[in-house]
Amino acid sequence: MAFLEIEDLLTAGAHFGHLTRRWNPYMRPYIFMERNGIHIIDLKKTQILVDEARNAAERISAEGKRILFVGTKKQARDVVRNEAGRVGMNYVVERWLGGMLTNFQTIRKSIKRLTTIEKMESDGTYDQITKKERLMLSREKERLMRVLGGIVDMNRLPGALYIVDIKKEHLAVKEAKTLGIPVIAIVDTNTDPRDIDFPVPANDDSLKTIALITKVIADGIALGREASNAALEGEQDARERIDKDAAASAQGDDKNVRARRRTRSRRGSEGGDQPEGGSGSDAPAGAADATATQEASAPAAAAPAATEGSAPAATANNGGESVQPAANVSAQPTTEGAGGTSEGSGHNG
């Protein structure tokens, strides 16, 4: 859907160009016909190029960049001032100062001078100077406001320029081209559109045409600013959530650290109440060492006992008969000796 209808352009007189003898050959692609010595602009191409210019303005504004409106001709001043002010953009409607873009730092000094004079009026400095000095400062302020009033808050170079009459504002076009700043402009049949990034062929002398096209460009800028503000708000909300999560995490870590400290402090106080010779975590370790030593010495003590015995508890002889343990044998030495003597006596007998 087009942002401008051809009927609206016809009603505004956007199709009327300049006299044929004043035309610029580079405008040939945008000329529909010649009538009564006047070139007629092709409004179908105007309709298409207005859409492209509006989309470009919206895109540039959505990137957070500012668009400088330039229209110093009488027909364009009020329209440019009002539309630029409506969307919060800077504007130049009196005179384009040479170097306004290419020598921006010097222009910033003039703007600073203007703000200084305004501050002197508000802080009571005017009451301390002579009447002649006040008059001179007032005239200087008026002159600076007339030329720089629309760019007082422009702290950096604009992202693009919107120009009503590129033939009259040729200095602005030249500076923008030098700095690589894109230009959106209304181009008439007597102009050279080659240096314009987004040309809009139309009658740049018609107040209605200027108002119609400028409003469309300003509407695109307004939508772009809304998108930019929404993106900034989203980024701010995301940063706030990240900060909140980080604060909550840090608070949880602090609680864990305090809990561990309380636990260590409690363990230390409990260890201090134990009797001497074992306190804290050293006592259990000592007890464990003592137990381990006793267990290790038990087999060592049992080994000599087994060595002193004559035989195991039960052994098998070659005949398969069981033999009494060595302990029983050692318990009856006399009987065995007597028995052995008796047997020996009987054998002898």
Protein backbone atom coordinates (compact mmCIF):
# COMPACT_ATOMS: atom_id res chain seq x y z
CA MET A 1 0.00 0.00 0.00
CA ALA A 2 1.36 3.39 -1.02
CA PHE A 3 1.72 6.12 1.57
CA LEU A 4 0.52 8.74 -0.93
CA GLU A 5 -2.21 8.44 -3.51
CA ILE A 6 -1.71 9.85 -6.99
CA GLU A 7 -4.93 11.83 -6.61
CA ASP A 8 -3.50 13.59 -3.56
CA LEU A 9 -0.34 14.44 -5.48
CA LEU A 10 -2.39 15.79 -8.39
CA THR A 11 -4.49 17.90 -6.06
CA ALA A 12 -1.35 19.34 -4.46
CA GLY A 13 0.11 20.18 -7.90
CA ALA A 14 3.13 17.92 -7.44
CA HIS A 15 3.25 17.11 -11.16
CA PHE A 16 4.14 20.60 -12.38
CA GLY A 17 7.80 21.02 -13.24
CA HIS A 18 9.77 24.01 -14.50
CA LEU A 19 9.94 25.49 -17.97
CA THR A 20 11.44 23.14 -20.51
CA ARG A 21 14.31 25.49 -21.21
CA ARG A 22 15.40 25.26 -17.56
CA TRP A 23 15.35 21.53 -17.26
CA ASN A 24 18.22 19.29 -16.24
CA PRO A 25 18.77 16.30 -18.56
CA TYR A 26 19.43 14.02 -15.58
CA MET A 27 15.77 14.45 -14.62
CA ARG A 28 14.62 12.82 -17.87
CA PRO A 29 13.69 9.46 -16.20
CA TYR A 30 11.20 11.26 -13.96
CA ILE A 31 9.48 13.40 -16.63
CA PHE A 32 6.20 12.15 -18.04
CA MET A 33 5.59 14.65 -20.83
CA GLU A 34 5.82 18.28 -21.92
CA ARG A 35 2.78 20.55 -21.99
CA ASN A 36 2.67 24.24 -22.88
CA GLY A 37 6.41 24.61 -22.44
CA ILE A 38 6.34 22.98 -18.97
CA HIS A 39 7.59 19.54 -18.02
CA ILE A 40 5.09 17.24 -16.32
CA ILE A 41 6.49 14.91 -13.66
CA ASP A 42 5.58 11.21 -13.69
CA LEU A 43 3.58 10.84 -10.47
CA LYS A 44 3.68 7.04 -10.55
CA LYS A 45 7.43 7.21 -10.05
CA THR A 46 6.92 9.91 -7.45
CA GLN A 47 4.57 7.61 -5.55
CA ILE A 48 7.10 4.78 -5.56
CA LEU A 49 10.04 6.97 -4.57
CA VAL A 50 8.08 8.60 -1.74
CA ASP A 51 7.58 5.14 -0.24
CA GLU A 52 11.30 4.38 -0.55
CA ALA A 53 12.23 7.70 1.05
CA ARG A 54 9.79 7.18 3.91
CA ASN A 55 11.07 3.66 4.58
CA ALA A 56 14.64 4.96 4.59
CA ALA A 57 13.70 7.69 7.08
CA GLU A 58 11.99 5.14 9.32
CA ARG A 59 14.97 2.79 9.19
CA ILE A 60 17.49 5.53 9.98
CA SER A 61 15.37 6.80 12.85
CA ALA A 62 14.92 3.27 14.23
CA GLU A 63 18.71 3.01 14.46
CA GLY A 64 18.67 5.89 16.94
CA LYS A 65 20.02 8.45 14.48
CA ARG A 66 18.67 11.95 13.92
CA ILE A 67 17.55 13.44 10.60
CA LEU A 68 18.24 17.10 9.93
CA PHE A 69 15.45 18.95 8.09
CA VAL A 70 16.65 21.69 5.72
CA GLY A 71 14.29 24.13 4.01
CA THR A 72 15.31 27.78 3.88
CA LYS A 73 13.03 28.89 1.05
CA LYS A 74 10.00 30.90 2.07
CA GLN A 75 7.45 28.27 1.07
CA ALA A 76 9.14 25.59 3.16
CA ARG A 77 10.12 27.33 6.41
CA ASP A 78 6.97 26.90 8.45
CA VAL A 79 6.28 23.39 7.19
CA VAL A 80 9.82 22.21 7.87
CA ARG A 81 9.91 23.82 11.32
CA ASN A 82 6.55 22.36 12.37
CA GLU A 83 7.10 18.83 11.06
CA ALA A 84 10.63 18.61 12.43
CA GLY A 85 9.44 19.85 15.80
CA ARG A 86 6.59 17.35 15.79
CA VAL A 87 8.95 14.39 15.60
CA GLY A 88 11.75 15.92 17.70
CA MET A 89 14.25 16.45 14.88
CA ASN A 90 16.64 19.35 14.24
CA TYR A 91 16.04 21.81 11.43
CA VAL A 92 17.57 24.69 9.48
CA VAL A 93 15.07 27.19 8.06
CA GLU A 94 16.96 30.50 7.87
CA ARG A 95 20.36 30.11 6.29
CA TRP A 96 22.75 27.27 5.81
CA LEU A 97 26.07 28.21 7.36
CA GLY A 98 29.07 27.01 5.41
CA GLY A 99 30.74 24.22 7.35
CA MET A 100 27.67 23.38 9.40
CA LEU A 101 28.53 19.72 8.89
CA THR A 102 32.15 19.65 7.73
CA ASN A 103 33.21 22.14 10.41
CA PHE A 104 30.80 21.00 13.07
CA GLN A 105 33.13 21.68 16.02
CA THR A 106 33.19 25.39 15.19
CA ILE A 107 29.41 25.40 14.94
CA ARG A 108 29.32 23.76 18.36
CA LYS A 109 31.31 26.67 19.76
CA SER A 110 28.70 29.10 18.43
CA ILE A 111 25.96 26.99 20.00
CA LYS A 112 27.84 27.02 23.29
CA ARG A 113 28.06 30.80 23.08
CA LEU A 114 24.29 30.95 22.62
CA THR A 115 23.66 28.79 25.68
CA THR A 116 26.08 30.95 27.70
CA ILE A 117 24.12 34.10 26.86
CA GLU A 118 20.87 32.40 27.84
CA LYS A 119 22.42 31.36 31.15
CA MET A 120 23.54 34.94 31.80
CA GLU A 121 19.94 36.07 31.42
CA SER A 122 18.67 33.53 33.93
CA ASP A 123 21.35 33.69 36.65
CA GLY A 124 21.24 37.48 37.17
CA THR A 125 24.44 38.35 35.30
CA TYR A 126 22.51 40.86 33.17
CA ASP A 127 21.90 42.96 36.27
CA GLN A 128 25.65 43.39 36.79
CA ILE A 129 26.52 44.71 33.31
CA THR A 130 25.79 47.99 31.60
CA LYS A 131 22.79 48.67 29.42
CA LYS A 132 24.96 48.84 26.30
CA GLU A 133 26.46 45.42 27.04
CA ARG A 134 23.00 43.96 27.57
CA LEU A 135 21.88 45.37 24.24
CA MET A 136 24.88 43.89 22.44
CA LEU A 137 24.33 40.49 24.04
CA SER A 138 20.64 40.57 23.13
CA ARG A 139 21.43 41.27 19.49
CA GLU A 140 24.03 38.52 19.43
CA LYS A 141 21.57 36.09 20.93
CA GLU A 142 18.90 37.02 18.39
CA ARG A 143 21.29 36.49 15.50
CA LEU A 144 22.48 33.12 16.83
CA MET A 145 18.94 31.97 17.53
CA ARG A 146 17.85 32.87 14.03
CA VAL A 147 20.59 30.76 12.46
CA LEU A 148 21.22 28.05 15.07
CA GLY A 149 17.93 27.85 16.92
CA GLY A 150 16.95 24.59 15.25
CA ILE A 151 20.20 22.78 16.04
CA VAL A 152 20.89 23.93 19.61
CA ASP A 153 20.56 20.37 20.95
CA MET A 154 22.34 18.67 18.03
CA ASN A 155 25.38 17.18 19.78
CA ARG A 156 26.58 15.04 16.88
CA LEU A 157 26.33 14.83 13.13
CA PRO A 158 22.93 13.74 11.81
CA GLY A 159 22.28 10.32 10.37
CA ALA A 160 20.62 11.80 7.29
CA LEU A 161 19.37 15.05 5.74
CA TYR A 162 15.91 15.84 4.42
CA ILE A 163 16.09 18.74 1.95
CA VAL A 164 13.25 20.50 0.17
CA ASP A 165 15.11 22.29 -2.64
CA ILE A 166 18.53 20.83 -3.49
CA LYS A 167 19.35 23.63 -5.92
CA LYS A 168 18.98 26.26 -3.22
CA GLU A 169 20.59 24.04 -0.56
CA HIS A 170 23.50 22.93 -2.74
CA LEU A 171 25.98 23.61 0.08
CA ALA A 172 24.15 21.23 2.39
CA VAL A 173 24.12 18.56 -0.32
CA LYS A 174 27.84 19.02 -0.95
CA GLU A 175 28.78 18.75 2.73
CA ALA A 176 26.59 15.69 3.22
CA LYS A 177 28.19 14.01 0.22
CA THR A 178 31.66 14.83 1.56
CA LEU A 179 30.86 13.17 4.89
CA GLY A 180 28.93 10.27 3.41
CA ILE A 181 25.64 11.31 5.01
CA PRO A 182 22.59 10.05 3.06
CA VAL A 183 20.21 12.67 1.65
CA ILE A 184 16.45 12.48 1.19
CA ALA A 185 15.23 15.34 -1.00
CA ILE A 186 12.49 16.70 -3.22
CA VAL A 187 13.95 17.11 -6.70
CA ASP A 188 12.37 19.30 -9.37
CA THR A 189 12.95 19.21 -13.13
CA ASN A 190 15.66 21.87 -12.93
CA THR A 191 17.92 19.96 -10.50
CA ASP A 192 20.60 17.27 -10.70
CA PRO A 193 19.46 14.22 -8.68
CA ARG A 194 22.69 12.25 -8.99
CA ASP A 195 23.99 13.26 -5.54
CA ILE A 196 20.71 12.38 -3.81
CA ASP A 197 20.39 8.97 -2.20
CA PHE A 198 16.58 9.01 -2.02
CA PRO A 199 15.18 11.48 -4.58
CA VAL A 200 11.47 12.33 -4.65
CA PRO A 201 10.57 13.99 -7.99
CA ALA A 202 7.96 16.65 -7.33
CA ASN A 203 7.22 20.35 -7.52
CA ASP A 204 9.43 21.93 -4.85
CA ASP A 205 7.79 25.34 -5.25
CA SER A 206 4.30 24.23 -4.23
CA LEU A 207 3.45 24.71 -0.55
CA LYS A 208 0.89 21.90 -0.62
CA THR A 209 3.34 19.50 -2.23
CA ILE A 210 6.05 20.35 0.28
CA ALA A 211 3.63 19.88 3.18
CA LEU A 212 2.32 16.58 1.80
CA ILE A 213 5.70 14.95 1.23
CA THR A 214 7.30 16.37 4.39
CA LYS A 215 4.46 14.98 6.49
CA VAL A 216 4.97 11.49 5.04
CA ILE A 217 8.70 11.63 5.81
CA ALA A 218 8.01 12.88 9.34
CA ASP A 219 5.49 10.08 9.93
CA GLY A 220 8.13 7.53 8.97
CA ILE A 221 10.57 9.12 11.40
CA ALA A 222 7.96 8.98 14.16
CA LEU A 223 7.46 5.24 13.65
CA GLY A 224 11.20 4.70 13.63
CA ARG A 225 11.58 6.58 16.90
CA GLU A 226 8.88 4.46 18.51
CA ALA A 227 10.70 1.30 17.47
CA SER A 228 13.99 2.71 18.73
CA ASN A 229 12.47 3.68 22.09
CA ALA A 230 10.87 0.25 22.43
CA ALA A 231 14.21 -1.42 21.74
CA LEU A 232 15.92 0.78 24.32
CA GLU A 233 13.27 -0.02 26.91
CA GLY A 234 13.69 -3.73 26.18
CA GLU A 235 17.45 -3.48 26.64
CA GLN A 236 16.98 -1.55 29.87
CA ASP A 237 14.55 -4.17 31.21
CA ALA A 238 16.99 -6.92 30.27
CA ARG A 239 19.83 -5.14 32.07
CA GLU A 240 17.65 -4.67 35.14
CA ARG A 241 16.76 -8.37 35.19
CA ILE A 242 20.41 -9.34 34.84
CA ASP A 243 21.39 -6.99 37.67
CA LYS A 244 18.59 -8.33 39.85
CA ASP A 245 19.61 -11.94 39.21
CA ALA A 246 23.24 -11.10 39.94
CA ALA A 247 22.27 -9.40 43.20
CA ALA A 248 20.14 -12.38 44.23
CA SER A 249 22.97 -14.78 43.41
CA ALA A 250 25.45 -12.70 45.39
CA GLN A 251 23.06 -12.57 48.33
CA GLY A 252 22.68 -16.36 48.24
CA ASP A 253 26.46 -16.79 48.15
CA ASP A 254 26.80 -14.49 51.16
CA LYS A 255 24.25 -16.56 53.07
CA ASN A 256 26.14 -19.76 52.26
CA VAL A 257 29.42 -18.22 53.37
CA ARG A 258 27.89 -17.03 56.64
CA ALA A 259 26.37 -20.47 57.24
CA ARG A 260 29.72 -22.20 56.70
CA ARG A 261 31.39 -19.74 59.06
CA ARG A 262 28.78 -20.40 61.75
CA THR A 263 29.27 -24.15 61.32
CA ARG A 264 33.05 -23.88 61.68
CA SER A 265 32.66 -21.61 64.69
CA ARG A 266 30.24 -24.06 66.35
CA ARG A 267 32.57 -27.00 65.74
CA GLY A 268 35.49 -25.04 67.17
CA SER A 269 33.56 -24.15 70.32
CA GLU A 270 32.46 -27.78 70.82
CA GLY A 271 36.05 -29.00 70.47
CA GLY A 272 37.25 -26.51 73.11
CA ASP A 273 35.05 -28.16 75.84
CA GLN A 274 36.76 -31.60 75.57
CA PRO A 275 39.42 -32.66 78.16
CA GLU A 276 43.08 -32.17 77.58
CA GLY A 277 44.84 -34.66 75.40
CA GLY A 278 42.16 -34.65 72.73
CA SER A 279 40.38 -31.61 71.42
CA GLY A 280 38.52 -30.90 68.27
CA SER A 281 39.12 -33.17 65.37
CA ASP A 282 42.50 -34.43 66.69
CA ALA A 283 40.92 -36.68 69.36
CA PRO A 284 39.05 -39.00 67.03
CA ALA A 285 42.14 -39.33 64.91
CA GLY A 286 44.24 -40.36 67.97
CA ALA A 287 41.68 -42.92 69.07
CA ALA A 288 41.59 -44.41 65.61
CA ASP A 289 45.39 -44.66 65.59
CA ALA A 290 45.38 -46.44 68.97
CA THR A 291 42.78 -48.94 67.81
CA ALA A 292 44.70 -49.61 64.63
CA THR A 293 47.90 -50.22 66.71
CA GLN A 294 46.15 -52.72 69.00
CA GLU A 295 44.70 -54.63 66.04
CA ALA A 296 48.11 -54.77 64.41
CA SER A 297 49.79 -56.09 67.60
CA ALA A 298 47.22 -58.85 68.20
CA PRO A 299 48.41 -61.18 65.41
CA ALA A 300 51.99 -60.57 66.42
CA ALA A 301 51.24 -61.78 69.96
CA ALA A 302 49.35 -64.80 68.72
CA ALA A 303 52.20 -65.95 66.50
CA PRO A 304 54.62 -66.95 69.37
CA ALA A 305 51.81 -68.78 71.13
CA ALA A 306 51.27 -70.91 68.12
CA THR A 307 55.00 -71.58 67.88
CA GLU A 308 55.29 -72.73 71.49
CA GLY A 309 52.58 -75.40 70.99
CA SER A 310 53.60 -78.90 69.88
CA ALA A 311 51.01 -79.29 67.15
CA PRO A 312 47.80 -77.97 65.86
CA ALA A 313 44.53 -78.73 67.59
CA ALA A 314 43.85 -81.75 65.42
CA THR A 315 46.16 -83.46 62.89
CA ALA A 316 45.76 -86.54 60.80
CA ASN A 317 48.36 -89.37 61.03
CA ASN A 318 49.20 -91.63 58.23
CA GLY A 319 46.56 -94.10 59.35
CA GLY A 320 43.84 -91.52 59.42
CA GLU A 321 43.49 -91.65 63.19
CA SER A 322 43.21 -88.48 65.14
CA VAL A 323 45.91 -87.42 67.51
CA GLN A 324 45.37 -85.45 70.68
CA PRO A 325 46.34 -81.86 70.65
CA ALA A 326 49.76 -80.83 71.82
CA ALA A 327 48.29 -79.05 74.78
CA ASN A 328 46.98 -82.36 76.26
CA VAL A 329 50.29 -84.01 75.73
CA SER A 330 52.15 -81.34 77.59
CA ALA A 331 49.56 -81.42 80.34
CA GLN A 332 50.34 -85.10 81.32
CA PRO A 333 54.07 -85.56 81.07
CA THR A 334 54.39 -87.96 84.03
CA THR A 335 51.67 -90.32 82.92
CA GLU A 336 53.08 -90.61 79.47
CA GLY A 337 56.50 -91.27 80.94
CA ALA A 338 55.15 -93.97 83.25
CA GLY A 339 53.17 -95.52 80.51
CA GLY A 340 56.20 -95.57 78.37
CA THR A 341 58.21 -97.22 81.17
CA SER A 342 55.52 -99.77 81.78
CA GLU A 343 55.36 -100.62 78.16
CA GLY A 344 59.06 -100.79 78.11
CA SER A 345 59.06 -103.01 81.18
CA GLY A 346 56.48 -105.28 79.72
CA HIS A 347 58.47 -105.53 76.54
CA ASN A 348 61.53 -106.36 78.48
CA GLY A 349 59.63 -108.92 80.42
